[in-house]
Amino acid sequence: MSDIPAARTEAAQRYVENILEQIEEQKRVIERLRTEDHVNLLKPAEDYLDVLLQTLESAREHVTTVSAAAKTEEG
């Protein structure tokens, strides 16, 4: 059963990594929209980036919580 806390921690960390990749991709999309002068699409793209950044913050907090819980279960 001790593998469950470690698996939860790994899954949470992978989720953070996935969000970071999405953020980088969204930044590239925004830059492309600016370059191609798609002003009408820029605001929704920036709003989505804001959502991703908020999600990242929550995901990082979740990693901290899951890691602390794993240490408690191990101890």
N, C-alpha and C. Protein backbone atom coordinates (compact mmCIF):
# COMPACT_ATOMS: atom_id res chain seq x y z
N MET A 1 0.81 -1.20 0.00
CA MET A 1 0.00 0.00 0.00
C MET A 1 0.86 1.27 0.00
N SER A 2 2.13 1.15 0.37
CA SER A 2 2.97 2.35 0.44
C SER A 2 3.25 2.94 -0.94
N ASP A 3 2.97 2.20 -2.01
CA ASP A 3 3.18 2.73 -3.35
C ASP A 3 2.11 3.74 -3.75
N ILE A 4 0.96 3.69 -3.11
CA ILE A 4 -0.14 4.58 -3.47
C ILE A 4 0.22 6.05 -3.24
N PRO A 5 0.75 6.43 -2.08
CA PRO A 5 1.12 7.85 -1.89
C PRO A 5 2.17 8.31 -2.90
N ALA A 6 3.14 7.46 -3.19
CA ALA A 6 4.17 7.83 -4.16
C ALA A 6 3.56 7.99 -5.55
N ALA A 7 2.64 7.11 -5.90
CA ALA A 7 1.98 7.20 -7.21
C ALA A 7 1.15 8.48 -7.30
N ARG A 8 0.49 8.83 -6.22
CA ARG A 8 -0.29 10.08 -6.21
C ARG A 8 0.61 11.29 -6.41
N THR A 9 1.74 11.28 -5.73
CA THR A 9 2.69 12.38 -5.86
C THR A 9 3.21 12.48 -7.29
N GLU A 10 3.57 11.33 -7.87
CA GLU A 10 4.07 11.33 -9.25
C GLU A 10 3.00 11.82 -10.22
N ALA A 11 1.77 11.40 -10.02
CA ALA A 11 0.68 11.83 -10.90
C ALA A 11 0.47 13.34 -10.79
N ALA A 12 0.53 13.86 -9.59
CA ALA A 12 0.36 15.30 -9.39
C ALA A 12 1.50 16.07 -10.05
N GLN A 13 2.71 15.55 -9.95
CA GLN A 13 3.86 16.20 -10.58
C GLN A 13 3.76 16.16 -12.11
N ARG A 14 3.29 15.04 -12.65
CA ARG A 14 3.09 14.95 -14.10
C ARG A 14 2.04 15.94 -14.57
N TYR A 15 1.00 16.13 -13.75
CA TYR A 15 -0.05 17.09 -14.09
C TYR A 15 0.54 18.51 -14.18
N VAL A 16 1.39 18.86 -13.23
CA VAL A 16 2.04 20.17 -13.25
C VAL A 16 2.89 20.31 -14.52
N GLU A 17 3.65 19.26 -14.85
CA GLU A 17 4.48 19.30 -16.05
C GLU A 17 3.62 19.48 -17.30
N ASN A 18 2.49 18.80 -17.34
CA ASN A 18 1.57 18.91 -18.47
C ASN A 18 1.05 20.35 -18.60
N ILE A 19 0.68 20.94 -17.49
CA ILE A 19 0.19 22.32 -17.52
C ILE A 19 1.29 23.27 -17.99
N LEU A 20 2.51 23.05 -17.53
CA LEU A 20 3.63 23.89 -17.98
C LEU A 20 3.81 23.80 -19.49
N GLU A 21 3.67 22.60 -20.04
CA GLU A 21 3.76 22.43 -21.49
C GLU A 21 2.64 23.18 -22.20
N GLN A 22 1.43 23.11 -21.65
CA GLN A 22 0.30 23.82 -22.24
C GLN A 22 0.51 25.33 -22.20
N ILE A 23 1.09 25.81 -21.11
CA ILE A 23 1.37 27.24 -20.98
C ILE A 23 2.36 27.69 -22.06
N GLU A 24 3.41 26.91 -22.24
CA GLU A 24 4.40 27.26 -23.27
C GLU A 24 3.77 27.25 -24.66
N GLU A 25 2.94 26.27 -24.93
CA GLU A 25 2.25 26.21 -26.22
C GLU A 25 1.32 27.41 -26.40
N GLN A 26 0.60 27.77 -25.35
CA GLN A 26 -0.32 28.90 -25.44
C GLN A 26 0.45 30.20 -25.67
N LYS A 27 1.62 30.34 -25.07
CA LYS A 27 2.45 31.52 -25.31
C LYS A 27 2.86 31.60 -26.77
N ARG A 28 3.18 30.44 -27.36
CA ARG A 28 3.53 30.41 -28.78
C ARG A 28 2.33 30.80 -29.64
N VAL A 29 1.16 30.32 -29.27
CA VAL A 29 -0.07 30.67 -30.00
C VAL A 29 -0.30 32.17 -29.95
N ILE A 30 -0.17 32.74 -28.77
CA ILE A 30 -0.37 34.19 -28.60
C ILE A 30 0.62 34.97 -29.45
N GLU A 31 1.86 34.55 -29.44
CA GLU A 31 2.87 35.23 -30.25
C GLU A 31 2.54 35.14 -31.74
N ARG A 32 2.09 33.96 -32.17
CA ARG A 32 1.71 33.80 -33.57
C ARG A 32 0.52 34.69 -33.92
N LEU A 33 -0.46 34.77 -33.02
CA LEU A 33 -1.62 35.63 -33.26
C LEU A 33 -1.20 37.09 -33.39
N ARG A 34 -0.25 37.50 -32.56
CA ARG A 34 0.25 38.89 -32.65
C ARG A 34 0.97 39.11 -33.97
N THR A 35 1.81 38.15 -34.34
CA THR A 35 2.58 38.26 -35.58
C THR A 35 1.67 38.33 -36.79
N GLU A 36 0.62 37.51 -36.78
CA GLU A 36 -0.29 37.45 -37.92
C GLU A 36 -1.42 38.47 -37.81
N ASP A 37 -1.36 39.30 -36.77
CA ASP A 37 -2.32 40.40 -36.59
C ASP A 37 -3.78 39.93 -36.47
N HIS A 38 -3.97 38.88 -35.69
CA HIS A 38 -5.33 38.38 -35.41
C HIS A 38 -5.80 38.97 -34.08
N VAL A 39 -6.05 40.25 -34.08
CA VAL A 39 -6.40 40.99 -32.87
C VAL A 39 -7.66 40.44 -32.21
N ASN A 40 -8.63 40.02 -33.00
CA ASN A 40 -9.89 39.53 -32.44
C ASN A 40 -9.72 38.21 -31.69
N LEU A 41 -8.66 37.47 -31.96
CA LEU A 41 -8.43 36.19 -31.28
C LEU A 41 -7.45 36.32 -30.12
N LEU A 42 -6.82 37.45 -30.01
CA LEU A 42 -5.78 37.63 -29.00
C LEU A 42 -6.34 37.61 -27.58
N LYS A 43 -7.42 38.32 -27.33
CA LYS A 43 -7.99 38.39 -25.98
C LYS A 43 -8.42 37.01 -25.47
N PRO A 44 -9.16 36.21 -26.24
CA PRO A 44 -9.51 34.87 -25.74
C PRO A 44 -8.27 34.00 -25.48
N ALA A 45 -7.26 34.14 -26.31
CA ALA A 45 -6.03 33.36 -26.11
C ALA A 45 -5.33 33.79 -24.82
N GLU A 46 -5.30 35.08 -24.56
CA GLU A 46 -4.69 35.58 -23.32
C GLU A 46 -5.51 35.17 -22.11
N ASP A 47 -6.82 35.19 -22.25
CA ASP A 47 -7.69 34.74 -21.15
C ASP A 47 -7.43 33.27 -20.82
N TYR A 48 -7.27 32.46 -21.86
CA TYR A 48 -7.00 31.04 -21.64
C TYR A 48 -5.64 30.86 -20.96
N LEU A 49 -4.66 31.66 -21.34
CA LEU A 49 -3.36 31.60 -20.68
C LEU A 49 -3.51 31.92 -19.19
N ASP A 50 -4.32 32.91 -18.86
CA ASP A 50 -4.57 33.25 -17.46
C ASP A 50 -5.18 32.07 -16.71
N VAL A 51 -6.11 31.38 -17.35
CA VAL A 51 -6.73 30.19 -16.73
C VAL A 51 -5.67 29.12 -16.50
N LEU A 52 -4.81 28.91 -17.47
CA LEU A 52 -3.75 27.91 -17.31
C LEU A 52 -2.81 28.28 -16.16
N LEU A 53 -2.49 29.55 -16.04
CA LEU A 53 -1.61 29.99 -14.95
C LEU A 53 -2.26 29.78 -13.59
N GLN A 54 -3.56 30.04 -13.50
CA GLN A 54 -4.28 29.79 -12.25
C GLN A 54 -4.33 28.29 -11.95
N THR A 55 -4.54 27.50 -12.98
CA THR A 55 -4.57 26.05 -12.81
C THR A 55 -3.21 25.55 -12.34
N LEU A 56 -2.15 26.12 -12.89
CA LEU A 56 -0.80 25.75 -12.48
C LEU A 56 -0.59 26.02 -11.00
N GLU A 57 -1.03 27.17 -10.55
CA GLU A 57 -0.89 27.52 -9.13
C GLU A 57 -1.61 26.49 -8.25
N SER A 58 -2.83 26.16 -8.63
CA SER A 58 -3.60 25.17 -7.86
C SER A 58 -2.93 23.80 -7.91
N ALA A 59 -2.42 23.44 -9.07
CA ALA A 59 -1.77 22.13 -9.22
C ALA A 59 -0.51 22.05 -8.37
N ARG A 60 0.23 23.13 -8.30
CA ARG A 60 1.44 23.13 -7.46
C ARG A 60 1.07 23.01 -5.98
N GLU A 61 0.01 23.67 -5.58
CA GLU A 61 -0.46 23.52 -4.20
C GLU A 61 -0.88 22.08 -3.93
N HIS A 62 -1.51 21.46 -4.92
CA HIS A 62 -1.93 20.07 -4.78
C HIS A 62 -0.72 19.15 -4.63
N VAL A 63 0.34 19.39 -5.39
CA VAL A 63 1.56 18.59 -5.26
C VAL A 63 2.10 18.70 -3.84
N THR A 64 2.12 19.90 -3.30
CA THR A 64 2.60 20.10 -1.94
C THR A 64 1.76 19.31 -0.94
N THR A 65 0.45 19.37 -1.10
CA THR A 65 -0.46 18.66 -0.20
C THR A 65 -0.28 17.15 -0.31
N VAL A 66 -0.23 16.66 -1.54
CA VAL A 66 -0.09 15.21 -1.77
C VAL A 66 1.26 14.72 -1.24
N SER A 67 2.30 15.50 -1.46
CA SER A 67 3.63 15.12 -0.97
C SER A 67 3.66 15.06 0.55
N ALA A 68 3.04 16.04 1.18
CA ALA A 68 2.98 16.06 2.65
C ALA A 68 2.19 14.87 3.17
N ALA A 69 1.09 14.55 2.50
CA ALA A 69 0.28 13.40 2.91
C ALA A 69 1.07 12.11 2.73
N ALA A 70 1.84 12.01 1.67
CA ALA A 70 2.65 10.81 1.43
C ALA A 70 3.69 10.64 2.53
N LYS A 71 4.31 11.74 2.94
CA LYS A 71 5.30 11.66 4.01
C LYS A 71 4.65 11.25 5.32
N THR A 72 3.44 11.74 5.57
CA THR A 72 2.71 11.38 6.79
C THR A 72 2.37 9.90 6.78
N GLU A 73 1.93 9.38 5.63
CA GLU A 73 1.57 7.97 5.53
C GLU A 73 2.79 7.08 5.66
N GLU A 74 3.95 7.55 5.19
CA GLU A 74 5.17 6.76 5.29
C GLU A 74 5.67 6.69 6.73
N GLY A 75 5.46 7.78 7.46
CA GLY A 75 6.00 7.90 8.81
C GLY A 75 5.22 7.19 9.82
